[in-house]
Structures are given as C-alpha cells and as structure tokens.
C-alpha atoms as a PDB file:
ATOM      1  CA  MET A   1      31.204 -15.751 -26.033  1.00  0.00           C
ATOM      2  CA  PRO A   2      27.463 -15.846 -27.010  1.00  0.00           C
ATOM      3  CA  ARG A   3      28.206 -19.252 -28.699  1.00  0.00           C
ATOM      4  CA  ARG A   4      27.886 -20.864 -25.326  1.00  0.00           C
ATOM      5  CA  HIS A   5      24.239 -19.788 -25.177  1.00  0.00           C
ATOM      6  CA  ALA A   6      23.646 -21.764 -28.325  1.00  0.00           C
ATOM      7  CA  ILE A   7      25.602 -24.817 -27.272  1.00  0.00           C
ATOM      8  CA  ARG A   8      23.535 -25.096 -23.967  1.00  0.00           C
ATOM      9  CA  LEU A   9      20.347 -24.698 -25.898  1.00  0.00           C
ATOM     10  CA  LEU A  10      21.181 -27.355 -28.421  1.00  0.00           C
ATOM     11  CA  GLU A  11      22.285 -29.736 -25.766  1.00  0.00           C
ATOM     12  CA  ALA A  12      19.028 -29.402 -23.769  1.00  0.00           C
ATOM     13  CA  ALA A  13      16.909 -29.669 -26.876  1.00  0.00           C
ATOM     14  CA  SER A  14      18.688 -32.876 -27.893  1.00  0.00           C
ATOM     15  CA  GLN A  15      17.599 -34.667 -24.688  1.00  0.00           C
ATOM     16  CA  ILE A  16      14.100 -34.222 -25.726  1.00  0.00           C
ATOM     17  CA  ILE A  17      14.076 -34.349 -29.440  1.00  0.00           C
ATOM     18  CA  LEU A  18      16.071 -37.467 -30.058  1.00  0.00           C
ATOM     19  CA  GLY A  19      18.141 -38.050 -33.125  1.00  0.00           C
ATOM     20  CA  LYS A  20      17.420 -34.673 -34.739  1.00  0.00           C
ATOM     21  CA  GLU A  21      20.652 -32.768 -33.781  1.00  0.00           C
ATOM     22  CA  HIS A  22      21.079 -31.417 -37.419  1.00  0.00           C
ATOM     23  CA  GLU A  23      17.516 -30.170 -37.628  1.00  0.00           C
ATOM     24  CA  LEU A  24      17.643 -28.586 -34.178  1.00  0.00           C
ATOM     25  CA  GLN A  25      20.721 -26.755 -35.312  1.00  0.00           C
ATOM     26  CA  LEU A  26      18.929 -25.490 -38.478  1.00  0.00           C
ATOM     27  CA  ALA A  27      16.038 -24.360 -36.442  1.00  0.00           C
ATOM     28  CA  LEU A  28      18.356 -22.475 -34.108  1.00  0.00           C
ATOM     29  CA  CYS A  29      19.923 -20.812 -37.075  1.00  0.00           C
ATOM     30  CA  CYS A  30      16.633 -19.532 -38.261  1.00  0.00           C
ATOM     31  CA  LEU A  31      15.996 -18.164 -34.736  1.00  0.00           C
ATOM     32  CA  ILE A  32      19.288 -16.512 -34.564  1.00  0.00           C
ATOM     33  CA  ALA A  33      18.875 -15.017 -37.984  1.00  0.00           C
ATOM     34  CA  ARG A  34      15.523 -13.523 -36.870  1.00  0.00           C
ATOM     35  CA  GLY A  35      13.641 -15.341 -39.512  1.00  0.00           C
ATOM     36  CA  HIS A  36      10.460 -17.639 -39.560  1.00  0.00           C
ATOM     37  CA  LEU A  37      10.584 -21.378 -40.034  1.00  0.00           C
ATOM     38  CA  LEU A  38       8.289 -23.611 -42.057  1.00  0.00           C
ATOM     39  CA  ILE A  39       8.452 -27.310 -41.080  1.00  0.00           C
ATOM     40  CA  GLU A  40       6.905 -29.586 -43.697  1.00  0.00           C
ATOM     41  CA  ASP A  41       6.177 -33.291 -42.896  1.00  0.00           C
ATOM     42  CA  MET A  42       3.743 -36.051 -41.939  1.00  0.00           C
ATOM     43  CA  PRO A  43       1.911 -35.797 -38.758  1.00  0.00           C
ATOM     44  CA  GLY A  44       3.467 -37.226 -35.650  1.00  0.00           C
ATOM     45  CA  VAL A  45       7.053 -36.710 -36.288  1.00  0.00           C
ATOM     46  CA  GLY A  46       7.731 -33.912 -33.710  1.00  0.00           C
ATOM     47  CA  LYS A  47       7.040 -30.738 -35.483  1.00  0.00           C
ATOM     48  CA  THR A  48       4.917 -29.340 -32.674  1.00  0.00           C
ATOM     49  CA  THR A  49       7.312 -30.711 -29.976  1.00  0.00           C
ATOM     50  CA  LEU A  50      10.214 -28.861 -31.663  1.00  0.00           C
ATOM     51  CA  ALA A  51       8.255 -25.611 -31.215  1.00  0.00           C
ATOM     52  CA  HIS A  52       7.408 -26.223 -27.553  1.00  0.00           C
ATOM     53  CA  VAL A  53      10.959 -27.134 -26.764  1.00  0.00           C
ATOM     54  CA  LEU A  54      12.511 -23.951 -28.321  1.00  0.00           C
ATOM     55  CA  ALA A  55       9.917 -21.747 -26.395  1.00  0.00           C
ATOM     56  CA  ARG A  56      10.477 -23.523 -23.145  1.00  0.00           C
ATOM     57  CA  LEU A  57      14.330 -23.610 -23.317  1.00  0.00           C
ATOM     58  CA  VAL A  58      14.573 -19.928 -24.082  1.00  0.00           C
ATOM     59  CA  GLY A  59      11.744 -18.908 -21.658  1.00  0.00           C
ATOM     60  CA  LEU A  60       9.698 -17.208 -24.525  1.00  0.00           C
ATOM     61  CA  HIS A  61       5.951 -16.380 -24.297  1.00  0.00           C
ATOM     62  CA  PHE A  62       4.447 -19.204 -26.366  1.00  0.00           C
ATOM     63  CA  GLN A  63       1.109 -19.287 -28.256  1.00  0.00           C
ATOM     64  CA  ARG A  64      -0.162 -22.235 -30.414  1.00  0.00           C
ATOM     65  CA  ILE A  65      -2.625 -21.394 -33.051  1.00  0.00           C
ATOM     66  CA  GLN A  66      -4.471 -24.535 -34.602  1.00  0.00           C
ATOM     67  CA  PHE A  67      -5.261 -23.495 -38.164  1.00  0.00           C
ATOM     68  CA  THR A  68      -8.567 -24.998 -39.431  1.00  0.00           C
ATOM     69  CA  SER A  69     -10.875 -24.142 -42.361  1.00  0.00           C
ATOM     70  CA  ASP A  70     -13.163 -21.987 -40.158  1.00  0.00           C
ATOM     71  CA  LEU A  71     -10.296 -19.997 -38.423  1.00  0.00           C
ATOM     72  CA  LEU A  72     -10.783 -16.123 -39.059  1.00  0.00           C
ATOM     73  CA  PRO A  73      -8.165 -13.415 -39.207  1.00  0.00           C
ATOM     74  CA  ALA A  74      -9.505 -11.972 -36.034  1.00  0.00           C
ATOM     75  CA  ASP A  75      -8.763 -15.107 -34.270  1.00  0.00           C
ATOM     76  CA  ILE A  76      -5.066 -14.452 -34.898  1.00  0.00           C
ATOM     77  CA  VAL A  77      -4.645 -10.898 -34.677  1.00  0.00           C
ATOM     78  CA  GLY A  78      -7.329  -9.889 -32.140  1.00  0.00           C
ATOM     79  CA  VAL A  79     -10.653  -8.017 -32.081  1.00  0.00           C
ATOM     80  CA  SER A  80     -11.998  -4.866 -30.920  1.00  0.00           C
ATOM     81  CA  VAL A  81     -15.045  -4.917 -28.537  1.00  0.00           C
ATOM     82  CA  PHE A  82     -17.292  -2.190 -27.293  1.00  0.00           C
ATOM     83  CA  ASP A  83     -16.798  -1.188 -23.650  1.00  0.00           C
ATOM     84  CA  ARG A  84     -19.955   0.164 -22.130  1.00  0.00           C
ATOM     85  CA  ASP A  85     -18.016   1.701 -19.131  1.00  0.00           C
ATOM     86  CA  THR A  86     -15.976   3.924 -21.242  1.00  0.00           C
ATOM     87  CA  GLY A  87     -18.324   4.255 -24.343  1.00  0.00           C
ATOM     88  CA  SER A  88     -15.453   3.280 -26.735  1.00  0.00           C
ATOM     89  CA  PHE A  89     -14.062   0.240 -28.262  1.00  0.00           C
ATOM     90  CA  ARG A  90     -11.187  -1.718 -26.664  1.00  0.00           C
ATOM     91  CA  PHE A  91      -8.775  -3.867 -28.546  1.00  0.00           C
ATOM     92  CA  ASN A  92      -8.365  -7.372 -27.218  1.00  0.00           C
ATOM     93  CA  PRO A  93      -4.918  -8.653 -28.526  1.00  0.00           C
ATOM     94  CA  GLY A  94      -4.992 -12.143 -30.192  1.00  0.00           C
ATOM     95  CA  PRO A  95      -2.299 -14.797 -29.848  1.00  0.00           C
ATOM     96  CA  VAL A  96      -0.054 -13.291 -32.282  1.00  0.00           C
ATOM     97  CA  PHE A  97       0.979 -11.055 -29.515  1.00  0.00           C
ATOM     98  CA  ALA A  98       3.472 -13.721 -28.340  1.00  0.00           C
ATOM     99  CA  GLN A  99       7.272 -14.231 -28.682  1.00  0.00           C
ATOM    100  CA  LEU A 100       7.042 -17.605 -30.226  1.00  0.00           C
ATOM    101  CA  ILE A 101       4.008 -18.543 -32.364  1.00  0.00           C
ATOM    102  CA  LEU A 102       3.245 -22.075 -33.545  1.00  0.00           C
ATOM    103  CA  ALA A 103       1.015 -21.848 -36.572  1.00  0.00           C
ATOM    104  CA  ASP A 104      -0.009 -25.567 -36.461  1.00  0.00           C
ATOM    105  CA  GLU A 105      -1.149 -27.033 -39.901  1.00  0.00           C
ATOM    106  CA  ILE A 106      -1.021 -23.652 -41.447  1.00  0.00           C
ATOM    107  CA  ASN A 107      -2.185 -24.873 -44.764  1.00  0.00           C
ATOM    108  CA  ARG A 108      -5.534 -26.099 -43.405  1.00  0.00           C
ATOM    109  CA  ALA A 109      -6.685 -22.512 -43.112  1.00  0.00           C
ATOM    110  CA  THR A 110      -8.212 -20.535 -46.043  1.00  0.00           C
ATOM    111  CA  PRO A 111      -5.770 -18.085 -47.888  1.00  0.00           C
ATOM    112  CA  LYS A 112      -7.533 -15.197 -46.348  1.00  0.00           C
ATOM    113  CA  THR A 113      -6.656 -16.410 -42.708  1.00  0.00           C
ATOM    114  CA  GLN A 114      -3.067 -17.383 -43.847  1.00  0.00           C
ATOM    115  CA  SER A 115      -2.555 -13.840 -45.055  1.00  0.00           C
ATOM    116  CA  ALA A 116      -3.451 -12.430 -41.480  1.00  0.00           C
ATOM    117  CA  LEU A 117       0.145 -13.415 -40.617  1.00  0.00           C
ATOM    118  CA  LEU A 118       1.803 -11.634 -43.330  1.00  0.00           C
ATOM    119  CA  GLU A 119       2.227  -8.075 -41.672  1.00  0.00           C
ATOM    120  CA  SER A 120       3.270  -9.564 -38.483  1.00  0.00           C
ATOM    121  CA  MET A 121       5.805 -11.790 -40.018  1.00  0.00           C
ATOM    122  CA  GLU A 122       7.424  -9.115 -42.175  1.00  0.00           C
ATOM    123  CA  GLU A 123       6.874  -5.876 -40.182  1.00  0.00           C
ATOM    124  CA  ARG A 124       6.779  -7.371 -36.675  1.00  0.00           C
ATOM    125  CA  GLN A 125       3.665  -5.199 -36.110  1.00  0.00           C
ATOM    126  CA  ILE A 126      -0.051  -5.258 -36.739  1.00  0.00           C
ATOM    127  CA  THR A 127      -2.568  -2.687 -37.627  1.00  0.00           C
ATOM    128  CA  ALA A 128      -5.839  -2.650 -35.801  1.00  0.00           C
ATOM    129  CA  ASP A 129      -8.569   0.149 -35.957  1.00  0.00           C
ATOM    130  CA  GLY A 130      -6.069   2.321 -37.748  1.00  0.00           C
ATOM    131  CA  ALA A 131      -3.334   1.955 -34.967  1.00  0.00           C
ATOM    132  CA  THR A 132       0.012   0.251 -35.390  1.00  0.00           C
ATOM    133  CA  LEU A 133       0.734  -2.062 -32.645  1.00  0.00           C
ATOM    134  CA  PRO A 134       4.311  -3.375 -32.247  1.00  0.00           C
ATOM    135  CA  LEU A 135       4.869  -7.155 -31.380  1.00  0.00           C
ATOM    136  CA  PRO A 136       7.191  -8.353 -28.638  1.00  0.00           C
ATOM    137  CA  GLU A 137      10.854  -8.850 -29.154  1.00  0.00           C
ATOM    138  CA  PRO A 138      12.151 -11.471 -29.971  1.00  0.00           C
ATOM    139  CA  PHE A 139       9.321 -12.580 -32.406  1.00  0.00           C
ATOM    140  CA  PHE A 140       9.377 -16.001 -34.116  1.00  0.00           C
ATOM    141  CA  VAL A 141       6.806 -18.002 -36.104  1.00  0.00           C
ATOM    142  CA  ILE A 142       7.066 -21.713 -36.559  1.00  0.00           C
ATOM    143  CA  ALA A 143       4.552 -22.913 -38.972  1.00  0.00           C
ATOM    144  CA  THR A 144       3.875 -26.578 -39.565  1.00  0.00           C
ATOM    145  CA  GLN A 145       2.563 -27.795 -42.878  1.00  0.00           C
ATOM    146  CA  ASN A 146       1.146 -31.185 -43.981  1.00  0.00           C
ATOM    147  CA  PRO A 147       1.885 -32.413 -47.332  1.00  0.00           C
ATOM    148  CA  SER A 148      -0.223 -30.980 -50.015  1.00  0.00           C
ATOM    149  CA  THR A 149      -1.460 -34.491 -51.016  1.00  0.00           C
ATOM    150  CA  GLN A 150      -3.431 -34.671 -47.845  1.00  0.00           C
ATOM    151  CA  ILE A 151      -7.218 -33.923 -47.847  1.00  0.00           C
ATOM    152  CA  GLY A 152      -8.226 -30.584 -46.803  1.00  0.00           C
ATOM    153  CA  THR A 153      -5.153 -28.547 -47.379  1.00  0.00           C
ATOM    154  CA  PHE A 154      -4.794 -25.040 -49.143  1.00  0.00           C
ATOM    155  CA  PRO A 155      -1.491 -24.370 -50.650  1.00  0.00           C
ATOM    156  CA  LEU A 156       0.407 -21.380 -49.351  1.00  0.00           C
ATOM    157  CA  PRO A 157       0.648 -18.616 -51.829  1.00  0.00           C
ATOM    158  CA  GLU A 158       4.174 -17.510 -52.998  1.00  0.00           C
ATOM    159  CA  SER A 159       3.941 -14.255 -50.972  1.00  0.00           C
ATOM    160  CA  GLN A 160       3.293 -16.149 -47.740  1.00  0.00           C
ATOM    161  CA  LEU A 161       6.078 -18.799 -48.488  1.00  0.00           C
ATOM    162  CA  ASP A 162       8.581 -15.940 -49.071  1.00  0.00           C
ATOM    163  CA  ARG A 163       7.880 -14.717 -45.638  1.00  0.00           C
ATOM    164  CA  PHE A 164       9.565 -17.994 -44.202  1.00  0.00           C
ATOM    165  CA  LEU A 165      13.312 -17.649 -44.045  1.00  0.00           C
ATOM    166  CA  MET A 166      13.800 -21.494 -44.320  1.00  0.00           C
ATOM    167  CA  ARG A 167      11.990 -24.758 -44.697  1.00  0.00           C
ATOM    168  CA  ILE A 168      12.999 -27.967 -43.000  1.00  0.00           C
ATOM    169  CA  HIS A 169      11.794 -31.606 -42.912  1.00  0.00           C
ATOM    170  CA  LEU A 170      12.201 -33.621 -39.705  1.00  0.00           C
ATOM    171  CA  GLY A 171      11.558 -37.093 -41.141  1.00  0.00           C
ATOM    172  CA  TYR A 172      11.207 -40.249 -39.258  1.00  0.00           C
ATOM    173  CA  PRO A 173      13.776 -41.017 -36.323  1.00  0.00           C
ATOM    174  CA  ASP A 174      16.411 -43.583 -36.809  1.00  0.00           C
ATOM    175  CA  HIS A 175      16.016 -46.945 -35.201  1.00  0.00           C
ATOM    176  CA  ALA A 176      17.893 -46.160 -32.036  1.00  0.00           C
ATOM    177  CA  ALA A 177      16.069 -42.867 -31.382  1.00  0.00           C
ATOM    178  CA  GLU A 178      12.663 -44.317 -32.040  1.00  0.00           C
ATOM    179  CA  ARG A 179      13.380 -47.089 -29.695  1.00  0.00           C
ATOM    180  CA  ALA A 180      14.334 -44.570 -26.972  1.00  0.00           C
ATOM    181  CA  LEU A 181      11.130 -42.713 -27.652  1.00  0.00           C
ATOM    182  CA  LEU A 182       8.955 -45.801 -27.254  1.00  0.00           C
ATOM    183  CA  LEU A 183      10.584 -46.823 -24.150  1.00  0.00           C
ATOM    184  CA  GLY A 184      11.126 -43.330 -22.632  1.00  0.00           C
ATOM    185  CA  GLU A 185       8.952 -40.891 -20.756  1.00  0.00           C
ATOM    186  CA  SER A 186       6.266 -38.760 -22.561  1.00  0.00           C
ATOM    187  CA  ARG A 187       7.945 -35.797 -24.360  1.00  0.00           C
ATOM    188  CA  ARG A 188       5.139 -33.544 -23.096  1.00  0.00           C
ATOM    189  CA  ASP A 189       6.052 -34.452 -19.492  1.00  0.00           C
ATOM    190  CA  LEU A 190       9.696 -33.759 -20.072  1.00  0.00           C
ATOM    191  CA  ILE A 191       8.934 -30.433 -21.705  1.00  0.00           C
ATOM    192  CA  GLU A 192       6.662 -29.364 -18.751  1.00  0.00           C
ATOM    193  CA  ARG A 193       9.564 -30.083 -16.305  1.00  0.00           C
ATOM    194  CA  GLN A 194      12.137 -28.405 -18.345  1.00  0.00           C
ATOM    195  CA  GLN A 195      13.529 -24.983 -17.181  1.00  0.00           C
ATOM    196  CA  PRO A 196      14.894 -22.324 -19.430  1.00  0.00           C
ATOM    197  CA  VAL A 197      18.523 -22.642 -20.191  1.00  0.00           C
ATOM    198  CA  ILE A 198      18.965 -19.237 -21.654  1.00  0.00           C
ATOM    199  CA  SER A 199      16.876 -16.063 -21.432  1.00  0.00           C
ATOM    200  CA  PRO A 200      15.357 -14.088 -24.198  1.00  0.00           C
ATOM    201  CA  ALA A 201      17.906 -11.365 -23.607  1.00  0.00           C
ATOM    202  CA  GLN A 202      20.674 -14.018 -24.292  1.00  0.00           C
ATOM    203  CA  LEU A 203      18.961 -15.031 -27.321  1.00  0.00           C
ATOM    204  CA  ILE A 204      18.947 -11.304 -28.567  1.00  0.00           C
ATOM    205  CA  GLU A 205      22.701 -11.264 -27.666  1.00  0.00           C
ATOM    206  CA  LEU A 206      23.168 -14.251 -30.040  1.00  0.00           C
ATOM    207  CA  GLN A 207      21.320 -12.459 -32.738  1.00  0.00           C
ATOM    208  CA  HIS A 208      23.530  -9.380 -32.457  1.00  0.00           C
ATOM    209  CA  ALA A 209      26.656 -11.409 -32.285  1.00  0.00           C
ATOM    210  CA  ALA A 210      25.637 -13.229 -35.620  1.00  0.00           C
ATOM    211  CA  ARG A 211      25.473  -9.791 -37.396  1.00  0.00           C
ATOM    212  CA  ASP A 212      29.241  -9.314 -36.657  1.00  0.00           C
ATOM    213  CA  ILE A 213      30.331 -12.455 -38.295  1.00  0.00           C
ATOM    214  CA  MET A 214      32.344 -11.509 -41.330  1.00  0.00           C
ATOM    215  CA  VAL A 215      31.261 -12.304 -44.824  1.00  0.00           C
ATOM    216  CA  ALA A 216      34.106 -11.662 -47.487  1.00  0.00           C
ATOM    217  CA  ASP A 217      33.369  -9.599 -50.613  1.00  0.00           C
ATOM    218  CA  ARG A 218      34.043 -12.846 -52.706  1.00  0.00           C
ATOM    219  CA  LEU A 219      31.573 -14.719 -50.785  1.00  0.00           C
ATOM    220  CA  ILE A 220      29.018 -12.181 -51.513  1.00  0.00           C
ATOM    221  CA  ASP A 221      29.912 -12.524 -55.169  1.00  0.00           C
ATOM    222  CA  TYR A 222      29.290 -16.323 -54.779  1.00  0.00           C
ATOM    223  CA  ILE A 223      25.954 -15.803 -53.117  1.00  0.00           C
ATOM    224  CA  GLN A 224      25.011 -13.276 -56.022  1.00  0.00           C
ATOM    225  CA  ALA A 225      25.994 -15.952 -58.682  1.00  0.00           C
ATOM    226  CA  LEU A 226      23.703 -18.440 -56.888  1.00  0.00           C
ATOM    227  CA  LEU A 227      20.738 -15.986 -56.908  1.00  0.00           C
ATOM    228  CA  ALA A 228      21.492 -15.302 -60.648  1.00  0.00           C
ATOM    229  CA  ALA A 229      21.656 -19.082 -61.438  1.00  0.00           C
ATOM    230  CA  THR A 230      18.145 -19.580 -59.949  1.00  0.00           C
ATOM    231  CA  ARG A 231      16.813 -16.658 -62.152  1.00  0.00           C
ATOM    232  CA  HIS A 232      18.332 -17.902 -65.383  1.00  0.00           C
ATOM    233  CA  SER A 233      17.756 -21.678 -65.057  1.00  0.00           C
ATOM    234  CA  THR A 234      15.641 -23.374 -67.593  1.00  0.00           C
ATOM    235  CA  GLU A 235      14.611 -25.865 -64.886  1.00  0.00           C
ATOM    236  CA  LEU A 236      13.166 -23.485 -62.578  1.00  0.00           C
ATOM    237  CA  THR A 237      10.397 -20.967 -62.698  1.00  0.00           C
ATOM    238  CA  GLY A 238      11.040 -17.532 -60.988  1.00  0.00           C
ATOM    239  CA  GLY A 239      14.054 -17.056 -59.030  1.00  0.00           C
ATOM    240  CA  LEU A 240      15.289 -16.196 -55.644  1.00  0.00           C
ATOM    241  CA  SER A 241      14.475 -12.680 -54.552  1.00  0.00           C
ATOM    242  CA  PRO A 242      16.853 -10.185 -52.858  1.00  0.00           C
ATOM    243  CA  ARG A 243      14.999 -11.107 -49.573  1.00  0.00           C
ATOM    244  CA  ALA A 244      16.165 -14.636 -50.060  1.00  0.00           C
ATOM    245  CA  GLY A 245      19.742 -13.590 -50.681  1.00  0.00           C
ATOM    246  CA  LEU A 246      19.601 -11.549 -47.475  1.00  0.00           C
ATOM    247  CA  GLY A 247      18.142 -14.542 -45.507  1.00  0.00           C
ATOM    248  CA  LEU A 248      21.008 -16.815 -47.001  1.00  0.00           C
ATOM    249  CA  VAL A 249      23.615 -14.388 -45.783  1.00  0.00           C
ATOM    250  CA  ALA A 250      21.900 -14.210 -42.131  1.00  0.00           C
ATOM    251  CA  LEU A 251      21.688 -18.002 -41.939  1.00  0.00           C
ATOM    252  CA  ALA A 252      25.383 -18.630 -42.984  1.00  0.00           C
ATOM    253  CA  ARG A 253      26.470 -16.113 -40.370  1.00  0.00           C
ATOM    254  CA  ALA A 254      24.299 -17.871 -37.820  1.00  0.00           C
ATOM    255  CA  TRP A 255      25.635 -21.400 -38.702  1.00  0.00           C
ATOM    256  CA  ALA A 256      29.185 -20.035 -38.581  1.00  0.00           C
ATOM    257  CA  LEU A 257      28.561 -18.576 -35.130  1.00  0.00           C
ATOM    258  CA  ILE A 258      27.281 -21.905 -33.800  1.00  0.00           C
ATOM    259  CA  GLU A 259      30.404 -23.732 -35.249  1.00  0.00           C
ATOM    260  CA  GLY A 260      32.518 -21.146 -33.358  1.00  0.00           C
ATOM    261  CA  ARG A 261      33.948 -19.202 -36.277  1.00  0.00           C
ATOM    262  CA  ASP A 262      34.074 -15.431 -36.739  1.00  0.00           C
ATOM    263  CA  HIS A 263      33.755 -15.666 -40.579  1.00  0.00           C
ATOM    264  CA  VAL A 264      31.449 -17.434 -43.141  1.00  0.00           C
ATOM    265  CA  LEU A 265      32.855 -20.151 -45.464  1.00  0.00           C
ATOM    266  CA  PRO A 266      31.303 -21.217 -48.862  1.00  0.00           C
ATOM    267  CA  GLU A 267      30.236 -24.556 -47.043  1.00  0.00           C
ATOM    268  CA  ASP A 268      28.124 -22.515 -44.809  1.00  0.00           C
ATOM    269  CA  VAL A 269      26.326 -21.067 -47.712  1.00  0.00           C
ATOM    270  CA  GLN A 270      25.953 -24.325 -49.517  1.00  0.00           C
ATOM    271  CA  ARG A 271      24.524 -25.900 -46.495  1.00  0.00           C
ATOM    272  CA  MET A 272      21.907 -23.306 -45.925  1.00  0.00           C
ATOM    273  CA  PHE A 273      21.112 -22.837 -49.655  1.00  0.00           C
ATOM    274  CA  PRO A 274      18.506 -25.801 -50.064  1.00  0.00           C
ATOM    275  CA  HIS A 275      16.646 -24.773 -47.034  1.00  0.00           C
ATOM    276  CA  VAL A 276      16.293 -21.310 -48.216  1.00  0.00           C
ATOM    277  CA  ALA A 277      15.403 -22.165 -51.922  1.00  0.00           C
ATOM    278  CA  GLY A 278      13.389 -25.218 -51.529  1.00  0.00           C
ATOM    279  CA  HIS A 279      10.107 -23.564 -50.741  1.00  0.00           C
ATOM    280  CA  ARG A 280      10.662 -20.637 -52.954  1.00  0.00           C
ATOM    281  CA  LEU A 281      11.295 -22.299 -56.381  1.00  0.00           C
ATOM    282  CA  HIS A 282       9.190 -24.464 -58.685  1.00  0.00           C
ATOM    283  CA  VAL A 283       9.792 -26.786 -61.592  1.00  0.00           C
ATOM    284  CA  ALA A 284       9.229 -24.897 -64.808  1.00  0.00           C
ATOM    285  CA  GLY A 285       6.236 -25.935 -66.675  1.00  0.00           C
ATOM    286  CA  ASP A 286       4.215 -27.830 -64.163  1.00  0.00           C
ATOM    287  CA  GLY A 287       4.743 -25.771 -61.005  1.00  0.00           C
ATOM    288  CA  ARG A 288       5.855 -28.733 -58.804  1.00  0.00           C
ATOM    289  CA  PRO A 289       8.029 -27.963 -55.890  1.00  0.00           C
ATOM    290  CA  VAL A 290      11.667 -28.175 -56.819  1.00  0.00           C
ATOM    291  CA  ALA A 291      13.415 -31.334 -55.906  1.00  0.00           C
ATOM    292  CA  THR A 292      16.544 -31.477 -53.787  1.00  0.00           C
ATOM    293  CA  ALA A 293      18.524 -33.003 -56.766  1.00  0.00           C
ATOM    294  CA  SER A 294      17.863 -29.999 -58.859  1.00  0.00           C
ATOM    295  CA  LEU A 295      19.128 -27.685 -56.087  1.00  0.00           C
ATOM    296  CA  GLU A 296      22.315 -29.828 -55.785  1.00  0.00           C
ATOM    297  CA  ARG A 297      22.897 -29.659 -59.518  1.00  0.00           C
ATOM    298  CA  LEU A 298      22.527 -25.847 -59.389  1.00  0.00           C
ATOM    299  CA  LEU A 299      24.971 -25.598 -56.561  1.00  0.00           C
ATOM    300  CA  LYS A 300      27.479 -27.740 -58.558  1.00  0.00           C
ATOM    301  CA  SER A 301      27.088 -25.596 -61.562  1.00  0.00           C
ATOM    302  CA  VAL A 302      28.161 -22.422 -59.738  1.00  0.00           C
ATOM    303  CA  ALA A 303      31.844 -22.100 -58.999  1.00  0.00           C
ATOM    304  CA  VAL A 304      32.979 -20.709 -55.639  1.00  0.00           C
ATOM    305  CA  SER A 305      34.848 -17.407 -56.595  1.00  0.00           C
END
C-alpha cells in the first residue's frame, strides 16, 4: 500500500526535525494533495530545514530562492539571452524549473516579484517569449514568511495567498527536543548524509492513491456548510473560495491516507480547516489575520450532517 511510503518518509524526517511530528505530517499532506505550503514563523525555528529535508528524502531536484527587495521576476523564471552563434535568443531557465522550490522569506520581495510565482504555482507552467514551458512533475513550492511586524516586509496579496493550499507554524521546540538539538550534530550535516527514502515516482503514487480516498456525500454537505459559514460570518471579511474547498477535500483525503483509512472522517476536515482558512480570512473591519479562536468558534457553529 502506498501509505508505507508516507510512514517511511515521516519516520526519517522526524530523526532530523525533532519534536515536530504533527507539523511534518501536515507538510506531507500538502505535498500529497499537490498543493503549495506557506510557513510563517520567526527566523531560526527550522522553516528552511523542513524544505531541505523533504527534498532530500524524496530525491527531488531542489532550488532555494532567497527573496530580497531587489530580486527581479527574471531571477525566478529565467531570461532570454542572444546567442551570436545561432543569431537568435536562447531561454535560460530560472530556479523555478525545479521539483521543490524554497521561496525563502517571500514577503521581503516586492509584490511584482512575488507575482512571478503565480502562474507557476497555479498552472504548473510558465510563459516566456510567447512560448509555454511546462514545469517538472512533481512540483511543490514551500514559501517561508516572516511576521509582518518585522522591518522590510511586503504583505502578500490575497491572490498570492490563495495559491498556497495551507499555512502552518512551526513554533519553538519543546524542552526535550531543544536540548537534543543543542547537544546533537548539525542539522545541515545530517541532511547532507541523508539518502532518499522514497522516489519521486512513489510520491506521485501517493498522490494518486489519495484521490481514491472516499468522501461521502454527507461530508461534502458539511464542507459546503463550512464554506458558507465563512462567507456569511459577521466576524470575517470575504469568505473561502471554491478553490479553498477543493483544497480542504484534498488535504482531508491525504490525512486519511496517512492514517491508514480508505475514507475521510469529519475529524479530518476539522483538523485541516484552520490551516486552509487561516491565511485566507481576515477580521471584518480592520483586516487583521483571523485568530485561531475565531476559526474554532466557526467550526463549533456548524453541525456535522
């Protein structure tokens, strides 16, 4: 069963990223659901390490893009240069032509540069010099984001945030995990020695298996009720889009697969909901990001059909 691939991956990743088993499982769910992941947290808590670990353990071609205020769209997508030998322009692909992209500190770049990722994330292709170029399969973007209160950040627009299937926070490690980190070997050295535990083909097998996880009609009714509740809430501005609903279904299927079930439970939807909704919804009136407590109240207000 493809689930064994996921278990091997999680076990290996947990040996490097200590005390974050739940967050690793969420990140893997996002990868299985063919979505893109936004990690928002303080610097130094392991956001970049998580991306490196996933790429290494799955054997994916990895590229890291450090987003800065002077980064240009061409630095991401690529640029055409004139070839004197052929008398024509030749396209030099940018780092976006990798299977796993780490967009590090994405909110330190200008909105114009941030938007360069939009087509690639949604369409899994880019357009250059009038030609459409497909991106590799699988294709996965992990973006890290510093808190908006830090100096030199540009808030991601709603259109960019909606391209991320889910957002997670890593947080500080607990006492035992932090002590093991302080006394242990460098995480970078551990990653360099790590061999892949599954192949890209096995990851695609996991993605296909997740699509076969059954979602009952009554559970779809429940998901629609959740979407409607976000759109009619007086506490929130806007509401979850159909794209968010599709992502919620895909993530719930991925979580059920990792848990060893062939069907989705309401608890799977409820577990994924805050990570799908948290970066898409804002408080009515002042535009602040929605708090977890508001999402929990909304969940409690919608009955499971």
